[in-house]
Amino acid sequence: MDNRLSMLKETLRVLASPVDTQVAYLDDIDPEQCGVGPGELALEFDDMYRTVEALKPDHAALFDELRKLDDLFGIMSATTNAHVWTFGALRHSEDWQSVRMLAKNCLARMPQY
């Protein structure tokens, strides 16, 4: 598998994980939680999504799902939605539940090698 797809897969696994796994992942990045919050998950996805865009023609079904996830993060990033970037929202909001579901859909369409 293309290394970029492997890295995307790891990012999607974190996004699809239960909230406690996500919190532990973020805690590993910043044990003091001085600046890393749930927004880091969206930033990591954005980095990987942009990195693999060149592979789009070969993986149309995957990119249809990735676009849905990217669109949701875009909606969540609206200035009026700052509340979704808290740990409380990560645990309880429908937006983050949708992120987990969409990430699972993306994983289901990842090429298997």
PDB file of N, CA and C in Angstrom:
ATOM      1  N   MET A   1       0.855  -1.176   0.000  1.00  0.00           N
ATOM      2  CA  MET A   1       0.000   0.000   0.000  1.00  0.00           C
ATOM      3  C   MET A   1       0.896   1.232   0.000  1.00  0.00           C
ATOM      4  N   ASP A   2       0.495   2.226  -0.754  1.00  0.00           N
ATOM      5  CA  ASP A   2       1.190   3.499  -0.774  1.00  0.00           C
ATOM      6  C   ASP A   2       1.350   3.997   0.668  1.00  0.00           C
ATOM      7  N   ASN A   3       2.530   4.480   1.004  1.00  0.00           N
ATOM      8  CA  ASN A   3       2.806   4.947   2.356  1.00  0.00           C
ATOM      9  C   ASN A   3       1.826   6.036   2.787  1.00  0.00           C
ATOM     10  N   ARG A   4       1.430   6.879   1.853  1.00  0.00           N
ATOM     11  CA  ARG A   4       0.472   7.938   2.188  1.00  0.00           C
ATOM     12  C   ARG A   4      -0.871   7.341   2.600  1.00  0.00           C
ATOM     13  N   LEU A   5      -1.289   6.287   1.924  1.00  0.00           N
ATOM     14  CA  LEU A   5      -2.541   5.632   2.306  1.00  0.00           C
ATOM     15  C   LEU A   5      -2.418   4.962   3.671  1.00  0.00           C
ATOM     16  N   SER A   6      -1.263   4.416   3.951  1.00  0.00           N
ATOM     17  CA  SER A   6      -1.038   3.804   5.277  1.00  0.00           C
ATOM     18  C   SER A   6      -1.153   4.851   6.380  1.00  0.00           C
ATOM     19  N   MET A   7      -0.575   6.013   6.151  1.00  0.00           N
ATOM     20  CA  MET A   7      -0.646   7.083   7.156  1.00  0.00           C
ATOM     21  C   MET A   7      -2.078   7.607   7.282  1.00  0.00           C
ATOM     22  N   LEU A   8      -2.787   7.711   6.150  1.00  0.00           N
ATOM     23  CA  LEU A   8      -4.190   8.112   6.200  1.00  0.00           C
ATOM     24  C   LEU A   8      -4.992   7.095   6.999  1.00  0.00           C
ATOM     25  N   LYS A   9      -4.725   5.828   6.774  1.00  0.00           N
ATOM     26  CA  LYS A   9      -5.446   4.761   7.485  1.00  0.00           C
ATOM     27  C   LYS A   9      -5.262   4.896   8.995  1.00  0.00           C
ATOM     28  N   GLU A  10      -4.055   5.183   9.429  1.00  0.00           N
ATOM     29  CA  GLU A  10      -3.808   5.362  10.867  1.00  0.00           C
ATOM     30  C   GLU A  10      -4.584   6.557  11.413  1.00  0.00           C
ATOM     31  N   THR A  11      -4.617   7.638  10.646  1.00  0.00           N
ATOM     32  CA  THR A  11      -5.378   8.816  11.057  1.00  0.00           C
ATOM     33  C   THR A  11      -6.861   8.482  11.166  1.00  0.00           C
ATOM     34  N   LEU A  12      -7.375   7.754  10.191  1.00  0.00           N
ATOM     35  CA  LEU A  12      -8.787   7.362  10.211  1.00  0.00           C
ATOM     36  C   LEU A  12      -9.088   6.407  11.364  1.00  0.00           C
ATOM     37  N   ARG A  13      -8.150   5.539  11.693  1.00  0.00           N
ATOM     38  CA  ARG A  13      -8.359   4.626  12.833  1.00  0.00           C
ATOM     39  C   ARG A  13      -8.556   5.413  14.127  1.00  0.00           C
ATOM     40  N   VAL A  14      -7.773   6.462  14.306  1.00  0.00           N
ATOM     41  CA  VAL A  14      -7.931   7.294  15.504  1.00  0.00           C
ATOM     42  C   VAL A  14      -9.297   7.979  15.468  1.00  0.00           C
ATOM     43  N   LEU A  15      -9.672   8.515  14.310  1.00  0.00           N
ATOM     44  CA  LEU A  15     -10.967   9.195  14.203  1.00  0.00           C
ATOM     45  C   LEU A  15     -12.137   8.243  14.411  1.00  0.00           C
ATOM     46  N   ALA A  16     -11.979   7.003  14.042  1.00  0.00           N
ATOM     47  CA  ALA A  16     -13.056   6.013  14.190  1.00  0.00           C
ATOM     48  C   ALA A  16     -13.092   5.385  15.582  1.00  0.00           C
ATOM     49  N   SER A  17     -12.076   5.636  16.368  1.00  0.00           N
ATOM     50  CA  SER A  17     -11.943   5.003  17.688  1.00  0.00           C
ATOM     51  C   SER A  17     -12.947   5.557  18.693  1.00  0.00           C
ATOM     52  N   PRO A  18     -13.208   4.793  19.741  1.00  0.00           N
ATOM     53  CA  PRO A  18     -14.040   5.298  20.838  1.00  0.00           C
ATOM     54  C   PRO A  18     -13.384   6.531  21.466  1.00  0.00           C
ATOM     55  N   VAL A  19     -14.198   7.328  22.084  1.00  0.00           N
ATOM     56  CA  VAL A  19     -13.721   8.597  22.633  1.00  0.00           C
ATOM     57  C   VAL A  19     -12.562   8.413  23.615  1.00  0.00           C
ATOM     58  N   ASP A  20     -12.588   7.386  24.452  1.00  0.00           N
ATOM     59  CA  ASP A  20     -11.501   7.197  25.417  1.00  0.00           C
ATOM     60  C   ASP A  20     -10.169   6.946  24.711  1.00  0.00           C
ATOM     61  N   THR A  21     -10.201   6.261  23.587  1.00  0.00           N
ATOM     62  CA  THR A  21      -8.991   6.030  22.802  1.00  0.00           C
ATOM     63  C   THR A  21      -8.509   7.345  22.198  1.00  0.00           C
ATOM     64  N   GLN A  22      -9.443   8.163  21.743  1.00  0.00           N
ATOM     65  CA  GLN A  22      -9.075   9.457  21.182  1.00  0.00           C
ATOM     66  C   GLN A  22      -8.449  10.369  22.242  1.00  0.00           C
ATOM     67  N   VAL A  23      -9.040  10.384  23.413  1.00  0.00           N
ATOM     68  CA  VAL A  23      -8.507  11.210  24.502  1.00  0.00           C
ATOM     69  C   VAL A  23      -7.105  10.725  24.884  1.00  0.00           C
ATOM     70  N   ALA A  24      -6.922   9.417  24.966  1.00  0.00           N
ATOM     71  CA  ALA A  24      -5.599   8.872  25.290  1.00  0.00           C
ATOM     72  C   ALA A  24      -4.588   9.236  24.206  1.00  0.00           C
ATOM     73  N   TYR A  25      -4.992   9.184  22.951  1.00  0.00           N
ATOM     74  CA  TYR A  25      -4.119   9.564  21.845  1.00  0.00           C
ATOM     75  C   TYR A  25      -3.695  11.026  21.984  1.00  0.00           C
ATOM     76  N   LEU A  26      -4.648  11.892  22.257  1.00  0.00           N
ATOM     77  CA  LEU A  26      -4.329  13.314  22.422  1.00  0.00           C
ATOM     78  C   LEU A  26      -3.462  13.545  23.647  1.00  0.00           C
ATOM     79  N   ASP A  27      -3.710  12.782  24.700  1.00  0.00           N
ATOM     80  CA  ASP A  27      -2.904  12.890  25.915  1.00  0.00           C
ATOM     81  C   ASP A  27      -1.456  12.489  25.645  1.00  0.00           C
ATOM     82  N   ASP A  28      -1.247  11.500  24.772  1.00  0.00           N
ATOM     83  CA  ASP A  28       0.115  11.101  24.410  1.00  0.00           C
ATOM     84  C   ASP A  28       0.844  12.206  23.664  1.00  0.00           C
ATOM     85  N   ILE A  29       0.104  12.979  22.871  1.00  0.00           N
ATOM     86  CA  ILE A  29       0.713  14.101  22.147  1.00  0.00           C
ATOM     87  C   ILE A  29       1.107  15.205  23.115  1.00  0.00           C
ATOM     88  N   ASP A  30       0.225  15.501  24.057  1.00  0.00           N
ATOM     89  CA  ASP A  30       0.425  16.622  24.983  1.00  0.00           C
ATOM     90  C   ASP A  30      -0.087  16.221  26.365  1.00  0.00           C
ATOM     91  N   PRO A  31       0.760  15.549  27.159  1.00  0.00           N
ATOM     92  CA  PRO A  31       0.308  15.054  28.469  1.00  0.00           C
ATOM     93  C   PRO A  31      -0.275  16.133  29.377  1.00  0.00           C
ATOM     94  N   GLU A  32       0.177  17.362  29.215  1.00  0.00           N
ATOM     95  CA  GLU A  32      -0.333  18.448  30.050  1.00  0.00           C
ATOM     96  C   GLU A  32      -1.577  19.095  29.447  1.00  0.00           C
ATOM     97  N   GLN A  33      -1.921  18.699  28.233  1.00  0.00           N
ATOM     98  CA  GLN A  33      -3.041  19.275  27.485  1.00  0.00           C
ATOM     99  C   GLN A  33      -3.018  20.797  27.527  1.00  0.00           C
ATOM    100  N   CYS A  34      -1.820  21.327  27.258  1.00  0.00           N
ATOM    101  CA  CYS A  34      -1.638  22.779  27.262  1.00  0.00           C
ATOM    102  C   CYS A  34      -2.101  23.431  25.965  1.00  0.00           C
ATOM    103  N   GLY A  35      -2.269  22.679  24.931  1.00  0.00           N
ATOM    104  CA  GLY A  35      -2.649  23.290  23.670  1.00  0.00           C
ATOM    105  C   GLY A  35      -3.228  22.316  22.679  1.00  0.00           C
ATOM    106  N   VAL A  36      -3.117  21.035  22.972  1.00  0.00           N
ATOM    107  CA  VAL A  36      -3.646  20.039  22.042  1.00  0.00           C
ATOM    108  C   VAL A  36      -5.014  19.596  22.542  1.00  0.00           C
ATOM    109  N   GLY A  37      -5.994  19.828  21.713  1.00  0.00           N
ATOM    110  CA  GLY A  37      -7.342  19.400  22.029  1.00  0.00           C
ATOM    111  C   GLY A  37      -7.901  18.617  20.862  1.00  0.00           C
ATOM    112  N   PRO A  38      -9.187  18.400  20.856  1.00  0.00           N
ATOM    113  CA  PRO A  38      -9.812  17.634  19.790  1.00  0.00           C
ATOM    114  C   PRO A  38      -9.556  18.188  18.386  1.00  0.00           C
ATOM    115  N   GLY A  39      -9.299  19.471  18.293  1.00  0.00           N
ATOM    116  CA  GLY A  39      -8.997  20.054  16.993  1.00  0.00           C
ATOM    117  C   GLY A  39      -7.794  19.421  16.326  1.00  0.00           C
ATOM    118  N   GLU A  40      -6.897  18.874  17.130  1.00  0.00           N
ATOM    119  CA  GLU A  40      -5.712  18.199  16.576  1.00  0.00           C
ATOM    120  C   GLU A  40      -6.112  17.020  15.696  1.00  0.00           C
ATOM    121  N   LEU A  41      -7.177  16.339  16.054  1.00  0.00           N
ATOM    122  CA  LEU A  41      -7.644  15.208  15.250  1.00  0.00           C
ATOM    123  C   LEU A  41      -8.060  15.679  13.853  1.00  0.00           C
ATOM    124  N   ALA A  42      -8.766  16.808  13.797  1.00  0.00           N
ATOM    125  CA  ALA A  42      -9.177  17.359  12.501  1.00  0.00           C
ATOM    126  C   ALA A  42      -7.979  17.855  11.708  1.00  0.00           C
ATOM    127  N   LEU A  43      -7.007  18.462  12.388  1.00  0.00           N
ATOM    128  CA  LEU A  43      -5.804  18.950  11.701  1.00  0.00           C
ATOM    129  C   LEU A  43      -5.002  17.801  11.108  1.00  0.00           C
ATOM    130  N   GLU A  44      -4.890  16.710  11.848  1.00  0.00           N
ATOM    131  CA  GLU A  44      -4.168  15.548  11.332  1.00  0.00           C
ATOM    132  C   GLU A  44      -4.887  14.962  10.120  1.00  0.00           C
ATOM    133  N   PHE A  45      -6.214  14.908  10.184  1.00  0.00           N
ATOM    134  CA  PHE A  45      -6.965  14.425   9.036  1.00  0.00           C
ATOM    135  C   PHE A  45      -6.736  15.341   7.833  1.00  0.00           C
ATOM    136  N   ASP A  46      -6.817  16.631   8.050  1.00  0.00           N
ATOM    137  CA  ASP A  46      -6.643  17.576   6.956  1.00  0.00           C
ATOM    138  C   ASP A  46      -5.272  17.415   6.304  1.00  0.00           C
ATOM    139  N   ASP A  47      -4.248  17.271   7.113  1.00  0.00           N
ATOM    140  CA  ASP A  47      -2.895  17.061   6.576  1.00  0.00           C
ATOM    141  C   ASP A  47      -2.851  15.820   5.689  1.00  0.00           C
ATOM    142  N   MET A  48      -3.422  14.732   6.167  1.00  0.00           N
ATOM    143  CA  MET A  48      -3.368  13.479   5.411  1.00  0.00           C
ATOM    144  C   MET A  48      -4.264  13.536   4.175  1.00  0.00           C
ATOM    145  N   TYR A  49      -5.418  14.133   4.292  1.00  0.00           N
ATOM    146  CA  TYR A  49      -6.349  14.247   3.165  1.00  0.00           C
ATOM    147  C   TYR A  49      -5.691  15.016   2.029  1.00  0.00           C
ATOM    148  N   ARG A  50      -5.029  16.095   2.354  1.00  0.00           N
ATOM    149  CA  ARG A  50      -4.348  16.900   1.327  1.00  0.00           C
ATOM    150  C   ARG A  50      -3.170  16.125   0.723  1.00  0.00           C
ATOM    151  N   THR A  51      -2.526  15.309   1.513  1.00  0.00           N
ATOM    152  CA  THR A  51      -1.369  14.539   1.045  1.00  0.00           C
ATOM    153  C   THR A  51      -1.772  13.470   0.034  1.00  0.00           C
ATOM    154  N   VAL A  52      -2.945  12.885   0.203  1.00  0.00           N
ATOM    155  CA  VAL A  52      -3.348  11.777  -0.671  1.00  0.00           C
ATOM    156  C   VAL A  52      -4.239  12.207  -1.831  1.00  0.00           C
ATOM    157  N   GLU A  53      -4.523  13.480  -1.964  1.00  0.00           N
ATOM    158  CA  GLU A  53      -5.430  13.937  -3.025  1.00  0.00           C
ATOM    159  C   GLU A  53      -4.996  13.490  -4.420  1.00  0.00           C
ATOM    160  N   ALA A  54      -3.713  13.389  -4.642  1.00  0.00           N
ATOM    161  CA  ALA A  54      -3.223  12.967  -5.962  1.00  0.00           C
ATOM    162  C   ALA A  54      -3.645  11.535  -6.295  1.00  0.00           C
ATOM    163  N   LEU A  55      -4.009  10.750  -5.295  1.00  0.00           N
ATOM    164  CA  LEU A  55      -4.414   9.359  -5.508  1.00  0.00           C
ATOM    165  C   LEU A  55      -5.902   9.233  -5.821  1.00  0.00           C
ATOM    166  N   LYS A  56      -6.607  10.344  -5.858  1.00  0.00           N
ATOM    167  CA  LYS A  56      -8.057  10.350  -6.034  1.00  0.00           C
ATOM    168  C   LYS A  56      -8.540   9.551  -7.247  1.00  0.00           C
ATOM    169  N   PRO A  57      -7.920   9.704  -8.422  1.00  0.00           N
ATOM    170  CA  PRO A  57      -8.451   8.958  -9.578  1.00  0.00           C
ATOM    171  C   PRO A  57      -8.471   7.435  -9.387  1.00  0.00           C
ATOM    172  N   ASP A  58      -7.574   6.924  -8.595  1.00  0.00           N
ATOM    173  CA  ASP A  58      -7.501   5.476  -8.384  1.00  0.00           C
ATOM    174  C   ASP A  58      -8.394   4.970  -7.249  1.00  0.00           C
ATOM    175  N   HIS A  59      -8.954   5.870  -6.479  1.00  0.00           N
ATOM    176  CA  HIS A  59      -9.710   5.474  -5.286  1.00  0.00           C
ATOM    177  C   HIS A  59     -10.962   6.341  -5.128  1.00  0.00           C
ATOM    178  N   ALA A  60     -11.792   6.384  -6.152  1.00  0.00           N
ATOM    179  CA  ALA A  60     -12.955   7.280  -6.173  1.00  0.00           C
ATOM    180  C   ALA A  60     -13.910   7.052  -5.008  1.00  0.00           C
ATOM    181  N   ALA A  61     -14.228   5.796  -4.702  1.00  0.00           N
ATOM    182  CA  ALA A  61     -15.173   5.512  -3.614  1.00  0.00           C
ATOM    183  C   ALA A  61     -14.627   5.992  -2.274  1.00  0.00           C
ATOM    184  N   LEU A  62     -13.347   5.784  -2.046  1.00  0.00           N
ATOM    185  CA  LEU A  62     -12.718   6.266  -0.817  1.00  0.00           C
ATOM    186  C   LEU A  62     -12.801   7.785  -0.748  1.00  0.00           C
ATOM    187  N   PHE A  63     -12.500   8.455  -1.843  1.00  0.00           N
ATOM    188  CA  PHE A  63     -12.488   9.912  -1.818  1.00  0.00           C
ATOM    189  C   PHE A  63     -13.882  10.510  -1.679  1.00  0.00           C
ATOM    190  N   ASP A  64     -14.914   9.803  -2.119  1.00  0.00           N
ATOM    191  CA  ASP A  64     -16.274  10.269  -1.865  1.00  0.00           C
ATOM    192  C   ASP A  64     -16.524  10.323  -0.355  1.00  0.00           C
ATOM    193  N   GLU A  65     -16.079   9.302   0.347  1.00  0.00           N
ATOM    194  CA  GLU A  65     -16.255   9.264   1.809  1.00  0.00           C
ATOM    195  C   GLU A  65     -15.340  10.267   2.511  1.00  0.00           C
ATOM    196  N   LEU A  66     -14.101  10.393   2.054  1.00  0.00           N
ATOM    197  CA  LEU A  66     -13.176  11.356   2.648  1.00  0.00           C
ATOM    198  C   LEU A  66     -13.716  12.779   2.514  1.00  0.00           C
ATOM    199  N   ARG A  67     -14.324  13.075   1.363  1.00  0.00           N
ATOM    200  CA  ARG A  67     -14.886  14.402   1.145  1.00  0.00           C
ATOM    201  C   ARG A  67     -16.006  14.678   2.150  1.00  0.00           C
ATOM    202  N   LYS A  68     -16.831  13.670   2.435  1.00  0.00           N
ATOM    203  CA  LYS A  68     -17.901  13.838   3.429  1.00  0.00           C
ATOM    204  C   LYS A  68     -17.317  14.184   4.793  1.00  0.00           C
ATOM    205  N   LEU A  69     -16.254  13.510   5.162  1.00  0.00           N
ATOM    206  CA  LEU A  69     -15.604  13.783   6.444  1.00  0.00           C
ATOM    207  C   LEU A  69     -14.989  15.177   6.432  1.00  0.00           C
ATOM    208  N   ASP A  70     -14.335  15.525   5.345  1.00  0.00           N
ATOM    209  CA  ASP A  70     -13.744  16.859   5.216  1.00  0.00           C
ATOM    210  C   ASP A  70     -14.825  17.937   5.285  1.00  0.00           C
ATOM    211  N   ASP A  71     -15.957  17.694   4.626  1.00  0.00           N
ATOM    212  CA  ASP A  71     -17.063  18.660   4.669  1.00  0.00           C
ATOM    213  C   ASP A  71     -17.591  18.826   6.089  1.00  0.00           C
ATOM    214  N   LEU A  72     -17.709  17.728   6.821  1.00  0.00           N
ATOM    215  CA  LEU A  72     -18.185  17.821   8.207  1.00  0.00           C
ATOM    216  C   LEU A  72     -17.213  18.633   9.043  1.00  0.00           C
ATOM    217  N   PHE A  73     -15.930  18.371   8.897  1.00  0.00           N
ATOM    218  CA  PHE A  73     -14.956  19.170   9.641  1.00  0.00           C
ATOM    219  C   PHE A  73     -15.046  20.648   9.244  1.00  0.00           C
ATOM    220  N   GLY A  74     -15.335  20.916   7.977  1.00  0.00           N
ATOM    221  CA  GLY A  74     -15.515  22.298   7.536  1.00  0.00           C
ATOM    222  C   GLY A  74     -16.682  22.966   8.243  1.00  0.00           C
ATOM    223  N   ILE A  75     -17.791  22.253   8.355  1.00  0.00           N
ATOM    224  CA  ILE A  75     -18.964  22.777   9.070  1.00  0.00           C
ATOM    225  C   ILE A  75     -18.639  22.982  10.544  1.00  0.00           C
ATOM    226  N   MET A  76     -17.955  22.009  11.116  1.00  0.00           N
ATOM    227  CA  MET A  76     -17.596  22.103  12.538  1.00  0.00           C
ATOM    228  C   MET A  76     -16.647  23.272  12.801  1.00  0.00           C
ATOM    229  N   SER A  77     -15.889  23.660  11.791  1.00  0.00           N
ATOM    230  CA  SER A  77     -14.894  24.721  11.959  1.00  0.00           C
ATOM    231  C   SER A  77     -15.466  26.128  11.848  1.00  0.00           C
ATOM    232  N   ALA A  78     -16.734  26.249  11.549  1.00  0.00           N
ATOM    233  CA  ALA A  78     -17.357  27.573  11.475  1.00  0.00           C
ATOM    234  C   ALA A  78     -17.174  28.298  12.805  1.00  0.00           C
ATOM    235  N   THR A  79     -16.991  29.585  12.738  1.00  0.00           N
ATOM    236  CA  THR A  79     -16.708  30.363  13.957  1.00  0.00           C
ATOM    237  C   THR A  79     -17.795  30.222  15.008  1.00  0.00           C
ATOM    238  N   THR A  80     -19.007  29.934  14.598  1.00  0.00           N
ATOM    239  CA  THR A  80     -20.096  29.783  15.568  1.00  0.00           C
ATOM    240  C   THR A  80     -20.100  28.413  16.242  1.00  0.00           C
ATOM    241  N   ASN A  81     -19.176  27.538  15.846  1.00  0.00           N
ATOM    242  CA  ASN A  81     -19.134  26.178  16.388  1.00  0.00           C
ATOM    243  C   ASN A  81     -17.909  25.916  17.252  1.00  0.00           C
ATOM    244  N   ALA A  82     -17.353  26.927  17.857  1.00  0.00           N
ATOM    245  CA  ALA A  82     -16.154  26.736  18.674  1.00  0.00           C
ATOM    246  C   ALA A  82     -16.370  25.706  19.784  1.00  0.00           C
ATOM    247  N   HIS A  83     -17.601  25.549  20.216  1.00  0.00           N
ATOM    248  CA  HIS A  83     -17.908  24.614  21.303  1.00  0.00           C
ATOM    249  C   HIS A  83     -17.622  23.153  20.941  1.00  0.00           C
ATOM    250  N   VAL A  84     -17.548  22.808  19.650  1.00  0.00           N
ATOM    251  CA  VAL A  84     -17.331  21.409  19.272  1.00  0.00           C
ATOM    252  C   VAL A  84     -15.882  20.972  19.441  1.00  0.00           C
ATOM    253  N   TRP A  85     -14.993  21.898  19.746  1.00  0.00           N
ATOM    254  CA  TRP A  85     -13.567  21.567  19.855  1.00  0.00           C
ATOM    255  C   TRP A  85     -13.135  21.369  21.301  1.00  0.00           C
ATOM    256  N   THR A  86     -14.073  21.043  22.161  1.00  0.00           N
ATOM    257  CA  THR A  86     -13.769  20.783  23.568  1.00  0.00           C
ATOM    258  C   THR A  86     -13.775  19.272  23.824  1.00  0.00           C
ATOM    259  N   PHE A  87     -13.160  18.876  24.931  1.00  0.00           N
ATOM    260  CA  PHE A  87     -13.182  17.459  25.281  1.00  0.00           C
ATOM    261  C   PHE A  87     -14.593  16.994  25.632  1.00  0.00           C
ATOM    262  N   GLY A  88     -15.386  17.888  26.206  1.00  0.00           N
ATOM    263  CA  GLY A  88     -16.787  17.538  26.487  1.00  0.00           C
ATOM    264  C   GLY A  88     -17.542  17.228  25.205  1.00  0.00           C
ATOM    265  N   ALA A  89     -17.334  18.051  24.193  1.00  0.00           N
ATOM    266  CA  ALA A  89     -17.987  17.807  22.906  1.00  0.00           C
ATOM    267  C   ALA A  89     -17.468  16.524  22.263  1.00  0.00           C
ATOM    268  N   LEU A  90     -16.170  16.283  22.376  1.00  0.00           N
ATOM    269  CA  LEU A  90     -15.598  15.052  21.835  1.00  0.00           C
ATOM    270  C   LEU A  90     -16.328  13.845  22.415  1.00  0.00           C
ATOM    271  N   ARG A  91     -16.671  13.931  23.685  1.00  0.00           N
ATOM    272  CA  ARG A  91     -17.358  12.825  24.360  1.00  0.00           C
ATOM    273  C   ARG A  91     -18.852  12.744  24.032  1.00  0.00           C
ATOM    274  N   HIS A  92     -19.495  13.896  23.848  1.00  0.00           N
ATOM    275  CA  HIS A  92     -20.958  13.882  23.854  1.00  0.00           C
ATOM    276  C   HIS A  92     -21.649  14.429  22.609  1.00  0.00           C
ATOM    277  N   SER A  93     -20.947  15.113  21.736  1.00  0.00           N
ATOM    278  CA  SER A  93     -21.656  15.777  20.639  1.00  0.00           C
ATOM    279  C   SER A  93     -21.970  14.833  19.486  1.00  0.00           C
ATOM    280  N   GLU A  94     -23.072  15.127  18.828  1.00  0.00           N
ATOM    281  CA  GLU A  94     -23.465  14.363  17.647  1.00  0.00           C
ATOM    282  C   GLU A  94     -22.463  14.566  16.513  1.00  0.00           C
ATOM    283  N   ASP A  95     -21.838  15.742  16.460  1.00  0.00           N
ATOM    284  CA  ASP A  95     -20.839  15.987  15.422  1.00  0.00           C
ATOM    285  C   ASP A  95     -19.706  14.968  15.511  1.00  0.00           C
ATOM    286  N   TRP A  96     -19.195  14.744  16.706  1.00  0.00           N
ATOM    287  CA  TRP A  96     -18.087  13.795  16.859  1.00  0.00           C
ATOM    288  C   TRP A  96     -18.554  12.361  16.658  1.00  0.00           C
ATOM    289  N   GLN A  97     -19.789  12.062  16.991  1.00  0.00           N
ATOM    290  CA  GLN A  97     -20.321  10.736  16.671  1.00  0.00           C
ATOM    291  C   GLN A  97     -20.367  10.547  15.157  1.00  0.00           C
ATOM    292  N   SER A  98     -20.738  11.607  14.436  1.00  0.00           N
ATOM    293  CA  SER A  98     -20.755  11.549  12.972  1.00  0.00           C
ATOM    294  C   SER A  98     -19.348  11.395  12.414  1.00  0.00           C
ATOM    295  N   VAL A  99     -18.379  12.077  13.032  1.00  0.00           N
ATOM    296  CA  VAL A  99     -16.980  11.930  12.604  1.00  0.00           C
ATOM    297  C   VAL A  99     -16.560  10.471  12.724  1.00  0.00           C
ATOM    298  N   ARG A 100     -16.868   9.846  13.841  1.00  0.00           N
ATOM    299  CA  ARG A 100     -16.487   8.445  14.047  1.00  0.00           C
ATOM    300  C   ARG A 100     -17.137   7.531  12.999  1.00  0.00           C
ATOM    301  N   MET A 101     -18.406   7.772  12.715  1.00  0.00           N
ATOM    302  CA  MET A 101     -19.107   6.961  11.729  1.00  0.00           C
ATOM    303  C   MET A 101     -18.503   7.156  10.327  1.00  0.00           C
ATOM    304  N   LEU A 102     -18.272   8.401   9.948  1.00  0.00           N
ATOM    305  CA  LEU A 102     -17.697   8.670   8.627  1.00  0.00           C
ATOM    306  C   LEU A 102     -16.289   8.095   8.506  1.00  0.00           C
ATOM    307  N   ALA A 103     -15.515   8.173   9.580  1.00  0.00           N
ATOM    308  CA  ALA A 103     -14.166   7.601   9.554  1.00  0.00           C
ATOM    309  C   ALA A 103     -14.240   6.085   9.363  1.00  0.00           C
ATOM    310  N   LYS A 104     -15.207   5.442   9.988  1.00  0.00           N
ATOM    311  CA  LYS A 104     -15.394   3.995   9.798  1.00  0.00           C
ATOM    312  C   LYS A 104     -15.768   3.690   8.354  1.00  0.00           C
ATOM    313  N   ASN A 105     -16.615   4.529   7.764  1.00  0.00           N
ATOM    314  CA  ASN A 105     -16.980   4.354   6.353  1.00  0.00           C
ATOM    315  C   ASN A 105     -15.753   4.491   5.455  1.00  0.00           C
ATOM    316  N   CYS A 106     -14.904   5.451   5.761  1.00  0.00           N
ATOM    317  CA  CYS A 106     -13.668   5.637   4.986  1.00  0.00           C
ATOM    318  C   CYS A 106     -12.775   4.411   5.113  1.00  0.00           C
ATOM    319  N   LEU A 107     -12.625   3.912   6.320  1.00  0.00           N
ATOM    320  CA  LEU A 107     -11.793   2.724   6.531  1.00  0.00           C
ATOM    321  C   LEU A 107     -12.315   1.528   5.733  1.00  0.00           C
ATOM    322  N   ALA A 108     -13.636   1.422   5.641  1.00  0.00           N
ATOM    323  CA  ALA A 108     -14.225   0.306   4.893  1.00  0.00           C
ATOM    324  C   ALA A 108     -13.911   0.385   3.410  1.00  0.00           C
ATOM    325  N   ARG A 109     -13.566   1.573   2.935  1.00  0.00           N
ATOM    326  CA  ARG A 109     -13.261   1.742   1.512  1.00  0.00           C
ATOM    327  C   ARG A 109     -11.762   1.839   1.216  1.00  0.00           C
ATOM    328  N   MET A 110     -10.967   1.686   2.256  1.00  0.00           N
ATOM    329  CA  MET A 110      -9.519   1.723   2.051  1.00  0.00           C
ATOM    330  C   MET A 110      -9.080   0.490   1.266  1.00  0.00           C
ATOM    331  N   PRO A 111      -8.157   0.666   0.337  1.00  0.00           N
ATOM    332  CA  PRO A 111      -7.661  -0.511  -0.398  1.00  0.00           C
ATOM    333  C   PRO A 111      -6.986  -1.497   0.555  1.00  0.00           C
ATOM    334  N   GLN A 112      -7.205  -2.764   0.297  1.00  0.00           N
ATOM    335  CA  GLN A 112      -6.609  -3.819   1.123  1.00  0.00           C
ATOM    336  C   GLN A 112      -5.407  -4.403   0.392  1.00  0.00           C
ATOM    337  N   TYR A 113      -4.266  -4.365   1.038  1.00  0.00           N
ATOM    338  CA  TYR A 113      -3.051  -4.926   0.446  1.00  0.00           C
ATOM    339  C   TYR A 113      -2.460  -5.911   1.393  1.00  0.00           C
TER     340      TYR A 113
END
